[in-house]
Amino acid sequence: MLGSSRFELARLILYNAHLLARGIQGYRSVCSQQDRTPEGVLRSINEPAAELDRAFIQARLLFPADLLEDERKQIKTCVDDLYLAATRYGREMTKPEDRQDQQKLQEYDATIWSPGEDDPFAKRVEKALESLTGKLQPFVARA
């Protein structure tokens, strides 16, 4: 992909960002007890996250300095938070039931599962996508 135009790279970034968001949404909406693992997260989002990272690296060469850095960090934080919540949930569930911290489990559940319309995690992902789309739209629209 090196040597591609800004238009092509902007489209690739948006495609992979939306693919990643769908992977996150899919994991959170149909996640079974068995998939509430870090491996379940990776199965759902590993490939689009890796592709998006590669595209962000290329973007540093083609776009104005730090144009997409905030959005990259926001998306990476969401991915990291989901992975971390699944990891911590798994650790907490291996404890005897009387030693489990129910408040922590509820906190992890709010990240792992989609609790409905008032979903702060989903809103963070959506906000990052909207911001990314807004910054890349001029490059896509010029072609």
Protein backbone atom coordinates (compact mmCIF):
# COMPACT_ATOMS: atom_id res chain seq x y z
CA MET A 1 0.00 0.00 0.00
CA LEU A 2 3.03 2.25 0.23
CA GLY A 3 2.88 4.75 -2.59
CA SER A 4 -0.88 5.02 -2.44
CA SER A 5 -2.71 8.30 -2.63
CA ARG A 6 -4.27 10.14 0.27
CA PHE A 7 -7.66 9.22 -1.15
CA GLU A 8 -6.87 5.49 -1.15
CA LEU A 9 -5.36 5.63 2.31
CA ALA A 10 -8.26 7.64 3.74
CA ARG A 11 -10.70 5.07 2.33
CA LEU A 12 -8.62 2.21 3.73
CA ILE A 13 -8.49 3.79 7.19
CA LEU A 14 -12.24 4.42 7.23
CA TYR A 15 -12.98 0.92 5.95
CA ASN A 16 -10.80 -0.73 8.61
CA ALA A 17 -12.07 1.55 11.38
CA HIS A 18 -15.66 0.67 10.57
CA LEU A 19 -14.78 -3.01 10.24
CA LEU A 20 -13.14 -2.85 13.67
CA ALA A 21 -16.17 -1.08 15.16
CA ARG A 22 -18.46 -3.80 13.74
CA GLY A 23 -16.16 -6.46 15.22
CA ILE A 24 -16.33 -4.77 18.62
CA GLN A 25 -20.10 -4.41 18.36
CA GLY A 26 -20.49 -8.02 17.26
CA TYR A 27 -18.35 -9.31 20.10
CA ARG A 28 -20.27 -7.28 22.66
CA SER A 29 -23.74 -8.19 21.38
CA VAL A 30 -23.44 -11.96 20.96
CA CYS A 31 -20.60 -12.71 23.32
CA SER A 32 -21.25 -15.97 25.12
CA GLN A 33 -19.80 -16.94 28.45
CA GLN A 34 -17.20 -18.97 26.56
CA ASP A 35 -16.19 -15.99 24.41
CA ARG A 36 -15.79 -13.65 27.37
CA THR A 37 -12.09 -14.21 27.12
CA PRO A 38 -9.19 -12.18 25.77
CA GLU A 39 -9.00 -14.79 23.01
CA GLY A 40 -12.64 -14.11 22.14
CA VAL A 41 -11.85 -10.42 21.80
CA LEU A 42 -8.85 -11.17 19.61
CA ARG A 43 -10.87 -13.48 17.35
CA SER A 44 -13.38 -10.69 16.79
CA ILE A 45 -11.13 -7.69 16.31
CA ASN A 46 -7.51 -8.72 15.84
CA GLU A 47 -7.31 -8.56 12.05
CA PRO A 48 -9.13 -5.24 11.52
CA ALA A 49 -7.20 -3.70 14.43
CA ALA A 50 -3.88 -4.77 12.88
CA GLU A 51 -4.89 -3.48 9.44
CA LEU A 52 -5.99 -0.18 10.95
CA ASP A 53 -2.68 0.16 12.81
CA ARG A 54 -0.77 -0.38 9.55
CA ALA A 55 -2.88 2.25 7.81
CA PHE A 56 -2.31 4.74 10.65
CA ILE A 57 1.45 4.20 10.29
CA GLN A 58 1.20 5.01 6.59
CA ALA A 59 -0.97 8.02 7.36
CA ARG A 60 1.94 9.57 9.26
CA LEU A 61 3.77 9.75 5.93
CA LEU A 62 0.96 11.10 3.76
CA PHE A 63 -1.15 13.34 5.97
CA PRO A 64 -0.25 16.47 7.92
CA ALA A 65 1.64 15.70 11.12
CA ASP A 66 -0.54 14.28 13.90
CA LEU A 67 -3.75 14.78 11.91
CA LEU A 68 -5.16 11.43 13.04
CA GLU A 69 -3.23 10.90 16.25
CA ASP A 70 -6.12 11.69 18.63
CA GLU A 71 -8.46 9.33 16.82
CA ARG A 72 -5.81 6.60 16.70
CA LYS A 73 -5.36 6.90 20.46
CA GLN A 74 -9.11 6.90 21.09
CA ILE A 75 -9.64 3.75 19.02
CA LYS A 76 -6.62 2.01 20.55
CA THR A 77 -7.87 2.86 24.04
CA CYS A 78 -11.27 1.30 23.26
CA VAL A 79 -9.64 -1.88 21.95
CA ASP A 80 -7.30 -2.04 24.95
CA ASP A 81 -10.16 -1.44 27.40
CA LEU A 82 -12.22 -4.25 25.88
CA TYR A 83 -9.30 -6.67 26.01
CA LEU A 84 -8.46 -5.64 29.57
CA ALA A 85 -12.07 -5.99 30.75
CA ALA A 86 -12.25 -9.52 29.29
CA THR A 87 -8.95 -10.43 30.95
CA ARG A 88 -9.96 -9.05 34.33
CA TYR A 89 -13.42 -10.58 34.10
CA GLY A 90 -11.83 -13.98 33.51
CA ARG A 91 -9.51 -13.57 36.48
CA GLU A 92 -12.34 -12.49 38.75
CA MET A 93 -14.53 -15.42 37.67
CA THR A 94 -11.82 -17.94 38.59
CA LYS A 95 -12.06 -16.84 42.22
CA PRO A 96 -14.42 -18.67 44.56
CA GLU A 97 -17.89 -17.12 44.37
CA ASP A 98 -17.72 -15.67 47.89
CA ARG A 99 -14.48 -13.84 47.04
CA GLN A 100 -15.61 -12.34 43.74
CA ASP A 101 -15.93 -8.58 43.68
CA GLN A 102 -19.41 -8.04 42.24
CA GLN A 103 -18.81 -4.34 41.64
CA LYS A 104 -15.77 -5.12 39.48
CA LEU A 105 -17.69 -7.79 37.60
CA GLN A 106 -20.45 -5.28 36.84
CA GLU A 107 -17.87 -2.76 35.65
CA TYR A 108 -16.27 -5.33 33.34
CA ASP A 109 -19.70 -6.45 32.15
CA ALA A 110 -20.49 -2.87 31.09
CA THR A 111 -17.48 -2.95 28.79
CA ILE A 112 -17.79 -6.53 27.57
CA TRP A 113 -21.56 -6.54 27.03
CA SER A 114 -23.63 -3.94 25.28
CA PRO A 115 -26.02 -2.78 28.03
CA GLY A 116 -28.47 -1.13 25.65
CA GLU A 117 -29.06 2.38 24.40
CA ASP A 118 -27.21 4.15 27.21
CA ASP A 119 -23.84 2.53 26.50
CA PRO A 120 -20.84 4.73 27.35
CA PHE A 121 -18.35 2.33 25.77
CA ALA A 122 -20.24 2.21 22.45
CA LYS A 123 -20.50 6.00 22.53
CA ARG A 124 -16.71 6.28 22.88
CA VAL A 125 -16.21 4.04 19.84
CA GLU A 126 -18.83 5.99 17.87
CA LYS A 127 -17.29 9.34 18.84
CA ALA A 128 -13.85 8.20 17.66
CA LEU A 129 -15.31 7.02 14.34
CA GLU A 130 -17.22 10.25 13.81
CA SER A 131 -14.11 12.31 14.49
CA LEU A 132 -12.00 10.13 12.20
CA THR A 133 -14.60 10.36 9.45
CA GLY A 134 -14.77 14.13 9.82
CA LYS A 135 -11.02 14.51 9.45
CA LEU A 136 -10.74 12.14 6.48
CA GLN A 137 -13.87 13.26 4.61
CA PRO A 138 -12.08 16.11 2.78
CA PHE A 139 -9.51 13.64 1.42
CA VAL A 140 -12.18 11.18 0.29
CA ALA A 141 -14.41 13.89 -1.19
CA ARG A 142 -11.62 15.35 -3.35
CA ALA A 143 -11.23 12.26 -5.50
